[in-house]
Amino acid sequence: MLNLKKLLLAPVVASLLVAHGHAQTTGEAAKAGASAGTIVVGLDDNFPPMGFRDEKNEIVGFDIDMAREVAKRMNVKAEFRPIDWGAKEAELNSKRVDVLWNGLTITEERKKHIGFTAPYMENHQIIVVGAKSDITNKAGLAGKVVGAQEGSSAVEAINKEADVAKSFKQLKTFADNITALMDLGTGRLDAVVVDEVVGRYYVAKRANDFRVLEENFGTEDYGVGMRKGDAELLQKVDATLAEMKKDGTAQKISEKWFGANVIK
């Protein structure tokens, strides 16, 4: 005779086992990162030409192409996940993403908490003003409202020059660079400090509205960031990037987006 209680409980037990197995697999995947077959790339999806959404709402850009090529060579899939860039370290350490790859500046402070690959690109923190602005140098920013992206290396670069920063009427931060540049265009800001790759890309599209000052807030290097404990993943990504530089693939991707080789 069939045991009705056992018969009714069987599907429940099976579903619990499946759920437990799925949770365990998901946890292992998050922990294993690339070894689970996917690298989850954290990015600011409003950071052209490094990573942004095109007219089809698809994420594209220089860093996107670089990450896809690295993932392909490592026989894993790259999954791109937009995050709050101001909370990027928390996103990384909570294992929502495996790497930070979106024009991430290597700084001594960040190196305390993030593991970095070797630099793959050099960048400057440039100053963008209106085409008709009378500002010609950093001294001219005194008494002005200056914009920058919150949590970005632009803010760090400005704060390193304390005397200049103190001279501002206000340092106003934004969720992304594009919004800051839009406010500059409408006159709500007097200047924007921004990564050169973004600033020049945007200025080139509106050459009659903006210009870039000769002075800047310093030179910096871009690298791919990951958790300190993911030494194996860091080594693999680093080696793959070096391979791409050597065989010319990185240069081809650079020329596609910048019309020149900006690879370091």
C-alpha atoms as a PDB file:
ATOM      1  CA  MET A   1       0.000   0.000   0.000  1.00  0.00           C
ATOM      2  CA  LEU A   2       1.316   3.452  -0.922  1.00  0.00           C
ATOM      3  CA  ASN A   3       2.371   5.694   1.897  1.00  0.00           C
ATOM      4  CA  LEU A   4       0.301   8.806   1.106  1.00  0.00           C
ATOM      5  CA  LYS A   5       2.319  11.026   3.452  1.00  0.00           C
ATOM      6  CA  LYS A   6       5.582  10.081   1.751  1.00  0.00           C
ATOM      7  CA  LEU A   7       4.024  10.562  -1.670  1.00  0.00           C
ATOM      8  CA  LEU A   8       2.851  14.069  -0.809  1.00  0.00           C
ATOM      9  CA  LEU A   9       6.170  15.037   0.760  1.00  0.00           C
ATOM     10  CA  ALA A  10       8.333  13.796  -2.106  1.00  0.00           C
ATOM     11  CA  PRO A  11       7.800  16.799  -4.456  1.00  0.00           C
ATOM     12  CA  VAL A  12       8.400  19.188  -1.555  1.00  0.00           C
ATOM     13  CA  VAL A  13      11.654  17.511  -0.605  1.00  0.00           C
ATOM     14  CA  ALA A  14      12.731  17.426  -4.250  1.00  0.00           C
ATOM     15  CA  SER A  15      12.006  21.123  -4.701  1.00  0.00           C
ATOM     16  CA  LEU A  16      13.922  21.954  -1.545  1.00  0.00           C
ATOM     17  CA  LEU A  17      16.892  19.947  -2.770  1.00  0.00           C
ATOM     18  CA  VAL A  18      16.788  21.737  -6.135  1.00  0.00           C
ATOM     19  CA  ALA A  19      16.512  25.116  -4.427  1.00  0.00           C
ATOM     20  CA  HIS A  20      19.378  24.267  -2.106  1.00  0.00           C
ATOM     21  CA  GLY A  21      21.440  23.067  -5.042  1.00  0.00           C
ATOM     22  CA  HIS A  22      20.690  26.263  -6.980  1.00  0.00           C
ATOM     23  CA  ALA A  23      21.587  28.454  -4.002  1.00  0.00           C
ATOM     24  CA  GLN A  24      24.802  26.527  -3.497  1.00  0.00           C
ATOM     25  CA  THR A  25      25.692  26.801  -7.193  1.00  0.00           C
ATOM     26  CA  THR A  26      24.887  30.506  -7.222  1.00  0.00           C
ATOM     27  CA  GLY A  27      26.998  31.058  -4.124  1.00  0.00           C
ATOM     28  CA  GLU A  28      29.869  29.089  -5.649  1.00  0.00           C
ATOM     29  CA  ALA A  29      29.559  31.069  -8.870  1.00  0.00           C
ATOM     30  CA  ALA A  30      29.719  34.366  -7.007  1.00  0.00           C
ATOM     31  CA  LYS A  31      32.718  33.139  -5.077  1.00  0.00           C
ATOM     32  CA  ALA A  32      34.487  31.583  -8.035  1.00  0.00           C
ATOM     33  CA  GLY A  33      33.927  34.487 -10.425  1.00  0.00           C
ATOM     34  CA  ALA A  34      35.644  33.734 -13.728  1.00  0.00           C
ATOM     35  CA  SER A  35      36.081  30.045 -12.889  1.00  0.00           C
ATOM     36  CA  ALA A  36      32.276  29.698 -12.876  1.00  0.00           C
ATOM     37  CA  GLY A  37      32.230  30.680 -16.537  1.00  0.00           C
ATOM     38  CA  THR A  38      31.298  34.352 -16.204  1.00  0.00           C
ATOM     39  CA  ILE A  39      33.108  37.551 -15.268  1.00  0.00           C
ATOM     40  CA  VAL A  40      30.650  40.144 -13.968  1.00  0.00           C
ATOM     41  CA  VAL A  41      31.961  43.565 -14.970  1.00  0.00           C
ATOM     42  CA  GLY A  42      30.845  46.527 -12.875  1.00  0.00           C
ATOM     43  CA  LEU A  43      30.643  49.833 -14.757  1.00  0.00           C
ATOM     44  CA  ASP A  44      29.120  53.288 -15.004  1.00  0.00           C
ATOM     45  CA  ASP A  45      26.984  52.941 -18.150  1.00  0.00           C
ATOM     46  CA  ASN A  46      27.042  56.696 -18.806  1.00  0.00           C
ATOM     47  CA  PHE A  47      30.777  57.083 -19.374  1.00  0.00           C
ATOM     48  CA  PRO A  48      31.411  57.416 -23.133  1.00  0.00           C
ATOM     49  CA  PRO A  49      33.509  56.282 -24.866  1.00  0.00           C
ATOM     50  CA  MET A  50      34.634  53.827 -22.145  1.00  0.00           C
ATOM     51  CA  GLY A  51      31.214  52.314 -21.418  1.00  0.00           C
ATOM     52  CA  PHE A  52      27.794  53.691 -22.339  1.00  0.00           C
ATOM     53  CA  ARG A  53      24.463  52.844 -23.957  1.00  0.00           C
ATOM     54  CA  ASP A  54      23.985  53.318 -27.695  1.00  0.00           C
ATOM     55  CA  GLU A  55      20.785  54.229 -29.538  1.00  0.00           C
ATOM     56  CA  LYS A  56      19.607  50.603 -29.136  1.00  0.00           C
ATOM     57  CA  ASN A  57      20.198  50.832 -25.362  1.00  0.00           C
ATOM     58  CA  GLU A  58      23.017  48.306 -25.628  1.00  0.00           C
ATOM     59  CA  ILE A  59      26.160  48.774 -23.543  1.00  0.00           C
ATOM     60  CA  VAL A  60      29.113  49.568 -25.796  1.00  0.00           C
ATOM     61  CA  GLY A  61      32.494  51.287 -25.559  1.00  0.00           C
ATOM     62  CA  PHE A  62      36.256  50.934 -25.487  1.00  0.00           C
ATOM     63  CA  ASP A  63      36.413  49.161 -22.130  1.00  0.00           C
ATOM     64  CA  ILE A  64      33.489  46.952 -23.147  1.00  0.00           C
ATOM     65  CA  ASP A  65      35.364  45.723 -26.223  1.00  0.00           C
ATOM     66  CA  MET A  66      38.523  45.216 -24.163  1.00  0.00           C
ATOM     67  CA  ALA A  67      36.671  43.228 -21.485  1.00  0.00           C
ATOM     68  CA  ARG A  68      34.878  41.067 -24.066  1.00  0.00           C
ATOM     69  CA  GLU A  69      38.162  40.195 -25.764  1.00  0.00           C
ATOM     70  CA  VAL A  70      39.810  39.326 -22.434  1.00  0.00           C
ATOM     71  CA  ALA A  71      36.828  37.144 -21.466  1.00  0.00           C
ATOM     72  CA  LYS A  72      36.878  35.402 -24.859  1.00  0.00           C
ATOM     73  CA  ARG A  73      40.566  34.542 -24.491  1.00  0.00           C
ATOM     74  CA  MET A  74      39.932  33.254 -20.971  1.00  0.00           C
ATOM     75  CA  ASN A  75      37.054  31.092 -22.260  1.00  0.00           C
ATOM     76  CA  VAL A  76      34.484  32.815 -20.069  1.00  0.00           C
ATOM     77  CA  LYS A  77      31.552  35.145 -20.701  1.00  0.00           C
ATOM     78  CA  ALA A  78      31.614  38.853 -19.810  1.00  0.00           C
ATOM     79  CA  GLU A  79      28.419  40.069 -18.146  1.00  0.00           C
ATOM     80  CA  PHE A  80      28.130  43.861 -17.841  1.00  0.00           C
ATOM     81  CA  ARG A  81      26.371  45.211 -14.762  1.00  0.00           C
ATOM     82  CA  PRO A  82      25.772  48.978 -14.304  1.00  0.00           C
ATOM     83  CA  ILE A  83      26.460  50.062 -10.720  1.00  0.00           C
ATOM     84  CA  ASP A  84      26.508  53.181  -8.607  1.00  0.00           C
ATOM     85  CA  TRP A  85      30.072  54.279  -9.359  1.00  0.00           C
ATOM     86  CA  GLY A  86      30.235  56.198  -6.111  1.00  0.00           C
ATOM     87  CA  ALA A  87      29.793  52.866  -4.266  1.00  0.00           C
ATOM     88  CA  LYS A  88      32.027  50.808  -6.542  1.00  0.00           C
ATOM     89  CA  GLU A  89      34.198  49.327  -3.771  1.00  0.00           C
ATOM     90  CA  ALA A  90      31.130  48.178  -1.864  1.00  0.00           C
ATOM     91  CA  GLU A  91      29.708  46.621  -5.049  1.00  0.00           C
ATOM     92  CA  LEU A  92      32.984  44.768  -5.586  1.00  0.00           C
ATOM     93  CA  ASN A  93      33.436  43.585  -1.992  1.00  0.00           C
ATOM     94  CA  SER A  94      29.819  42.426  -1.722  1.00  0.00           C
ATOM     95  CA  LYS A  95      30.567  40.198  -4.766  1.00  0.00           C
ATOM     96  CA  ARG A  96      27.832  41.704  -6.912  1.00  0.00           C
ATOM     97  CA  VAL A  97      30.574  42.202  -9.498  1.00  0.00           C
ATOM     98  CA  ASP A  98      33.914  40.478 -10.099  1.00  0.00           C
ATOM     99  CA  VAL A  99      35.826  43.366 -11.648  1.00  0.00           C
ATOM    100  CA  LEU A 100      35.609  47.158 -11.963  1.00  0.00           C
ATOM    101  CA  TRP A 101      36.388  48.005 -15.561  1.00  0.00           C
ATOM    102  CA  ASN A 102      35.354  51.434 -16.727  1.00  0.00           C
ATOM    103  CA  GLY A 103      38.144  53.994 -16.786  1.00  0.00           C
ATOM    104  CA  LEU A 104      39.132  53.164 -13.206  1.00  0.00           C
ATOM    105  CA  THR A 105      42.068  55.290 -12.082  1.00  0.00           C
ATOM    106  CA  ILE A 106      44.836  53.577 -10.126  1.00  0.00           C
ATOM    107  CA  THR A 107      45.496  55.562  -6.933  1.00  0.00           C
ATOM    108  CA  GLU A 108      47.497  54.743  -3.816  1.00  0.00           C
ATOM    109  CA  GLU A 109      44.357  55.044  -1.698  1.00  0.00           C
ATOM    110  CA  ARG A 110      42.380  52.638  -3.896  1.00  0.00           C
ATOM    111  CA  LYS A 111      45.268  50.170  -3.962  1.00  0.00           C
ATOM    112  CA  LYS A 112      44.746  49.679  -0.227  1.00  0.00           C
ATOM    113  CA  HIS A 113      41.369  48.074  -0.946  1.00  0.00           C
ATOM    114  CA  ILE A 114      41.457  47.005  -4.603  1.00  0.00           C
ATOM    115  CA  GLY A 115      43.812  44.773  -6.573  1.00  0.00           C
ATOM    116  CA  PHE A 116      44.834  46.359  -9.887  1.00  0.00           C
ATOM    117  CA  THR A 117      46.180  45.039 -13.156  1.00  0.00           C
ATOM    118  CA  ALA A 118      49.127  46.789 -14.778  1.00  0.00           C
ATOM    119  CA  PRO A 119      48.032  50.118 -16.340  1.00  0.00           C
ATOM    120  CA  TYR A 120      46.579  49.783 -19.822  1.00  0.00           C
ATOM    121  CA  MET A 121      45.914  53.461 -20.533  1.00  0.00           C
ATOM    122  CA  GLU A 122      47.078  56.947 -19.507  1.00  0.00           C
ATOM    123  CA  ASN A 123      44.596  59.688 -18.762  1.00  0.00           C
ATOM    124  CA  HIS A 124      44.448  63.314 -17.564  1.00  0.00           C
ATOM    125  CA  GLN A 125      41.904  65.178 -15.489  1.00  0.00           C
ATOM    126  CA  ILE A 126      41.092  68.024 -17.852  1.00  0.00           C
ATOM    127  CA  ILE A 127      39.181  71.258 -17.290  1.00  0.00           C
ATOM    128  CA  VAL A 128      36.297  71.958 -19.683  1.00  0.00           C
ATOM    129  CA  VAL A 129      34.723  75.418 -19.893  1.00  0.00           C
ATOM    130  CA  GLY A 130      32.251  77.151 -22.157  1.00  0.00           C
ATOM    131  CA  ALA A 131      33.577  78.283 -25.533  1.00  0.00           C
ATOM    132  CA  LYS A 132      33.039  81.946 -24.587  1.00  0.00           C
ATOM    133  CA  SER A 133      34.274  81.631 -20.996  1.00  0.00           C
ATOM    134  CA  ASP A 134      36.988  84.036 -19.810  1.00  0.00           C
ATOM    135  CA  ILE A 135      38.577  81.245 -17.721  1.00  0.00           C
ATOM    136  CA  THR A 136      42.017  80.405 -19.136  1.00  0.00           C
ATOM    137  CA  ASN A 137      43.722  78.477 -16.311  1.00  0.00           C
ATOM    138  CA  LYS A 138      43.223  76.944 -12.861  1.00  0.00           C
ATOM    139  CA  ALA A 139      43.664  80.324 -11.183  1.00  0.00           C
ATOM    140  CA  GLY A 140      40.624  81.512 -13.127  1.00  0.00           C
ATOM    141  CA  LEU A 141      38.458  78.958 -11.285  1.00  0.00           C
ATOM    142  CA  ALA A 142      38.545  81.140  -8.144  1.00  0.00           C
ATOM    143  CA  GLY A 143      35.016  82.119  -7.150  1.00  0.00           C
ATOM    144  CA  LYS A 144      33.498  79.746  -9.726  1.00  0.00           C
ATOM    145  CA  VAL A 145      31.124  76.784  -9.513  1.00  0.00           C
ATOM    146  CA  VAL A 146      33.001  73.688 -10.676  1.00  0.00           C
ATOM    147  CA  GLY A 147      31.434  70.307 -11.398  1.00  0.00           C
ATOM    148  CA  ALA A 148      32.777  66.743 -11.225  1.00  0.00           C
ATOM    149  CA  GLN A 149      31.444  63.203 -10.936  1.00  0.00           C
ATOM    150  CA  GLU A 150      30.811  62.023  -7.393  1.00  0.00           C
ATOM    151  CA  GLY A 151      33.295  59.381  -6.245  1.00  0.00           C
ATOM    152  CA  SER A 152      35.506  59.931  -9.275  1.00  0.00           C
ATOM    153  CA  SER A 153      39.247  60.472  -9.474  1.00  0.00           C
ATOM    154  CA  ALA A 154      38.452  64.010 -10.675  1.00  0.00           C
ATOM    155  CA  VAL A 155      37.310  64.878  -7.148  1.00  0.00           C
ATOM    156  CA  GLU A 156      40.452  63.286  -5.695  1.00  0.00           C
ATOM    157  CA  ALA A 157      42.651  65.199  -8.156  1.00  0.00           C
ATOM    158  CA  ILE A 158      40.974  68.503  -7.282  1.00  0.00           C
ATOM    159  CA  ASN A 159      41.318  67.908  -3.541  1.00  0.00           C
ATOM    160  CA  LYS A 160      45.034  67.199  -3.946  1.00  0.00           C
ATOM    161  CA  GLU A 161      45.422  70.839  -4.965  1.00  0.00           C
ATOM    162  CA  ALA A 162      43.905  72.203  -1.774  1.00  0.00           C
ATOM    163  CA  ASP A 163      44.576  75.885  -2.476  1.00  0.00           C
ATOM    164  CA  VAL A 164      42.861  75.699  -5.853  1.00  0.00           C
ATOM    165  CA  ALA A 165      39.935  73.707  -4.418  1.00  0.00           C
ATOM    166  CA  LYS A 166      39.441  76.230  -1.601  1.00  0.00           C
ATOM    167  CA  SER A 167      39.256  79.038  -4.133  1.00  0.00           C
ATOM    168  CA  PHE A 168      36.104  77.608  -5.751  1.00  0.00           C
ATOM    169  CA  LYS A 169      32.770  79.128  -4.896  1.00  0.00           C
ATOM    170  CA  GLN A 170      31.454  75.549  -4.913  1.00  0.00           C
ATOM    171  CA  LEU A 171      32.514  72.061  -5.995  1.00  0.00           C
ATOM    172  CA  LYS A 172      29.287  70.470  -7.154  1.00  0.00           C
ATOM    173  CA  THR A 173      29.222  66.699  -7.692  1.00  0.00           C
ATOM    174  CA  PHE A 174      27.009  64.722 -10.061  1.00  0.00           C
ATOM    175  CA  ALA A 175      26.012  61.079 -10.506  1.00  0.00           C
ATOM    176  CA  ASP A 176      27.732  61.037 -13.905  1.00  0.00           C
ATOM    177  CA  ASN A 177      29.941  63.183 -16.124  1.00  0.00           C
ATOM    178  CA  ILE A 178      27.362  63.712 -18.849  1.00  0.00           C
ATOM    179  CA  THR A 179      24.952  65.418 -16.453  1.00  0.00           C
ATOM    180  CA  ALA A 180      27.774  67.680 -15.263  1.00  0.00           C
ATOM    181  CA  LEU A 181      28.654  68.625 -18.837  1.00  0.00           C
ATOM    182  CA  MET A 182      24.983  69.284 -19.608  1.00  0.00           C
ATOM    183  CA  ASP A 183      24.863  71.710 -16.659  1.00  0.00           C
ATOM    184  CA  LEU A 184      27.977  73.396 -18.011  1.00  0.00           C
ATOM    185  CA  GLY A 185      26.224  73.803 -21.354  1.00  0.00           C
ATOM    186  CA  THR A 186      23.217  75.463 -19.716  1.00  0.00           C
ATOM    187  CA  GLY A 187      25.388  77.821 -17.654  1.00  0.00           C
ATOM    188  CA  ARG A 188      24.681  76.294 -14.248  1.00  0.00           C
ATOM    189  CA  LEU A 189      28.396  75.505 -13.945  1.00  0.00           C
ATOM    190  CA  ASP A 190      31.474  77.540 -14.850  1.00  0.00           C
ATOM    191  CA  ALA A 191      33.731  74.521 -15.458  1.00  0.00           C
ATOM    192  CA  VAL A 192      33.843  70.741 -15.265  1.00  0.00           C
ATOM    193  CA  VAL A 193      36.824  68.609 -14.268  1.00  0.00           C
ATOM    194  CA  VAL A 194      36.538  65.299 -16.084  1.00  0.00           C
ATOM    195  CA  ASP A 195      38.525  62.340 -17.399  1.00  0.00           C
ATOM    196  CA  GLU A 196      40.192  63.364 -20.646  1.00  0.00           C
ATOM    197  CA  VAL A 197      38.766  60.410 -22.587  1.00  0.00           C
ATOM    198  CA  VAL A 198      35.221  61.487 -21.710  1.00  0.00           C
ATOM    199  CA  GLY A 199      35.769  65.235 -21.922  1.00  0.00           C
ATOM    200  CA  ARG A 200      37.422  65.268 -25.330  1.00  0.00           C
ATOM    201  CA  TYR A 201      34.875  62.794 -26.714  1.00  0.00           C
ATOM    202  CA  TYR A 202      32.046  65.078 -25.593  1.00  0.00           C
ATOM    203  CA  VAL A 203      33.777  68.339 -26.598  1.00  0.00           C
ATOM    204  CA  ALA A 204      34.459  66.962 -30.092  1.00  0.00           C
ATOM    205  CA  LYS A 205      30.699  66.586 -30.538  1.00  0.00           C
ATOM    206  CA  ARG A 206      30.052  70.187 -29.408  1.00  0.00           C
ATOM    207  CA  ALA A 207      33.193  72.045 -30.472  1.00  0.00           C
ATOM    208  CA  ASN A 208      31.268  75.320 -30.796  1.00  0.00           C
ATOM    209  CA  ASP A 209      30.044  75.139 -27.197  1.00  0.00           C
ATOM    210  CA  PHE A 210      33.056  73.957 -25.189  1.00  0.00           C
ATOM    211  CA  ARG A 211      36.827  74.168 -25.018  1.00  0.00           C
ATOM    212  CA  VAL A 212      39.539  72.424 -22.996  1.00  0.00           C
ATOM    213  CA  LEU A 213      42.087  74.410 -20.979  1.00  0.00           C
ATOM    214  CA  GLU A 214      45.798  73.705 -21.404  1.00  0.00           C
ATOM    215  CA  GLU A 215      46.226  73.222 -17.654  1.00  0.00           C
ATOM    216  CA  ASN A 216      44.863  70.077 -16.036  1.00  0.00           C
ATOM    217  CA  PHE A 217      44.675  68.368 -12.657  1.00  0.00           C
ATOM    218  CA  GLY A 218      47.304  65.734 -13.341  1.00  0.00           C
ATOM    219  CA  THR A 219      48.110  62.528 -15.168  1.00  0.00           C
ATOM    220  CA  GLU A 220      46.877  59.134 -14.066  1.00  0.00           C
ATOM    221  CA  ASP A 221      46.740  55.510 -15.173  1.00  0.00           C
ATOM    222  CA  TYR A 222      43.714  53.310 -15.806  1.00  0.00           C
ATOM    223  CA  GLY A 223      43.663  49.708 -14.612  1.00  0.00           C
ATOM    224  CA  VAL A 224      41.182  46.885 -14.063  1.00  0.00           C
ATOM    225  CA  GLY A 225      40.216  46.541 -10.409  1.00  0.00           C
ATOM    226  CA  MET A 226      39.210  43.417  -8.485  1.00  0.00           C
ATOM    227  CA  ARG A 227      39.028  42.048  -4.972  1.00  0.00           C
ATOM    228  CA  LYS A 228      42.325  41.658  -3.150  1.00  0.00           C
ATOM    229  CA  GLY A 229      41.587  37.985  -2.583  1.00  0.00           C
ATOM    230  CA  ASP A 230      41.074  37.185  -6.273  1.00  0.00           C
ATOM    231  CA  ALA A 231      44.785  36.843  -7.023  1.00  0.00           C
ATOM    232  CA  GLU A 232      44.289  34.110  -9.635  1.00  0.00           C
ATOM    233  CA  LEU A 233      41.726  36.138 -11.576  1.00  0.00           C
ATOM    234  CA  LEU A 234      43.955  39.207 -11.392  1.00  0.00           C
ATOM    235  CA  GLN A 235      46.906  37.248 -12.765  1.00  0.00           C
ATOM    236  CA  LYS A 236      44.825  35.829 -15.640  1.00  0.00           C
ATOM    237  CA  VAL A 237      43.364  39.208 -16.648  1.00  0.00           C
ATOM    238  CA  ASP A 238      46.784  40.872 -16.389  1.00  0.00           C
ATOM    239  CA  ALA A 239      48.422  38.213 -18.560  1.00  0.00           C
ATOM    240  CA  THR A 240      45.640  38.391 -21.143  1.00  0.00           C
ATOM    241  CA  LEU A 241      45.881  42.178 -21.374  1.00  0.00           C
ATOM    242  CA  ALA A 242      49.641  41.898 -21.874  1.00  0.00           C
ATOM    243  CA  GLU A 243      49.024  39.388 -24.659  1.00  0.00           C
ATOM    244  CA  MET A 244      46.537  41.741 -26.341  1.00  0.00           C
ATOM    245  CA  LYS A 245      49.037  44.607 -26.202  1.00  0.00           C
ATOM    246  CA  LYS A 246      51.750  42.429 -27.699  1.00  0.00           C
ATOM    247  CA  ASP A 247      49.713  41.040 -30.610  1.00  0.00           C
ATOM    248  CA  GLY A 248      48.174  44.420 -31.556  1.00  0.00           C
ATOM    249  CA  THR A 249      44.564  43.633 -30.619  1.00  0.00           C
ATOM    250  CA  ALA A 250      44.445  46.317 -27.916  1.00  0.00           C
ATOM    251  CA  GLN A 251      45.758  48.870 -30.408  1.00  0.00           C
ATOM    252  CA  LYS A 252      43.020  47.972 -32.923  1.00  0.00           C
ATOM    253  CA  ILE A 253      40.327  48.439 -30.276  1.00  0.00           C
ATOM    254  CA  SER A 254      41.901  51.767 -29.280  1.00  0.00           C
ATOM    255  CA  GLU A 255      41.982  53.022 -32.864  1.00  0.00           C
ATOM    256  CA  LYS A 256      38.322  52.039 -33.295  1.00  0.00           C
ATOM    257  CA  TRP A 257      37.241  54.313 -30.417  1.00  0.00           C
ATOM    258  CA  PHE A 258      39.885  57.050 -30.321  1.00  0.00           C
ATOM    259  CA  GLY A 259      41.357  57.091 -33.822  1.00  0.00           C
ATOM    260  CA  ALA A 260      44.781  56.610 -32.236  1.00  0.00           C
ATOM    261  CA  ASN A 261      46.719  54.164 -30.073  1.00  0.00           C
ATOM    262  CA  VAL A 262      46.257  55.255 -26.455  1.00  0.00           C
ATOM    263  CA  ILE A 263      47.282  51.919 -24.963  1.00  0.00           C
ATOM    264  CA  LYS A 264      50.030  52.148 -22.360  1.00  0.00           C
END
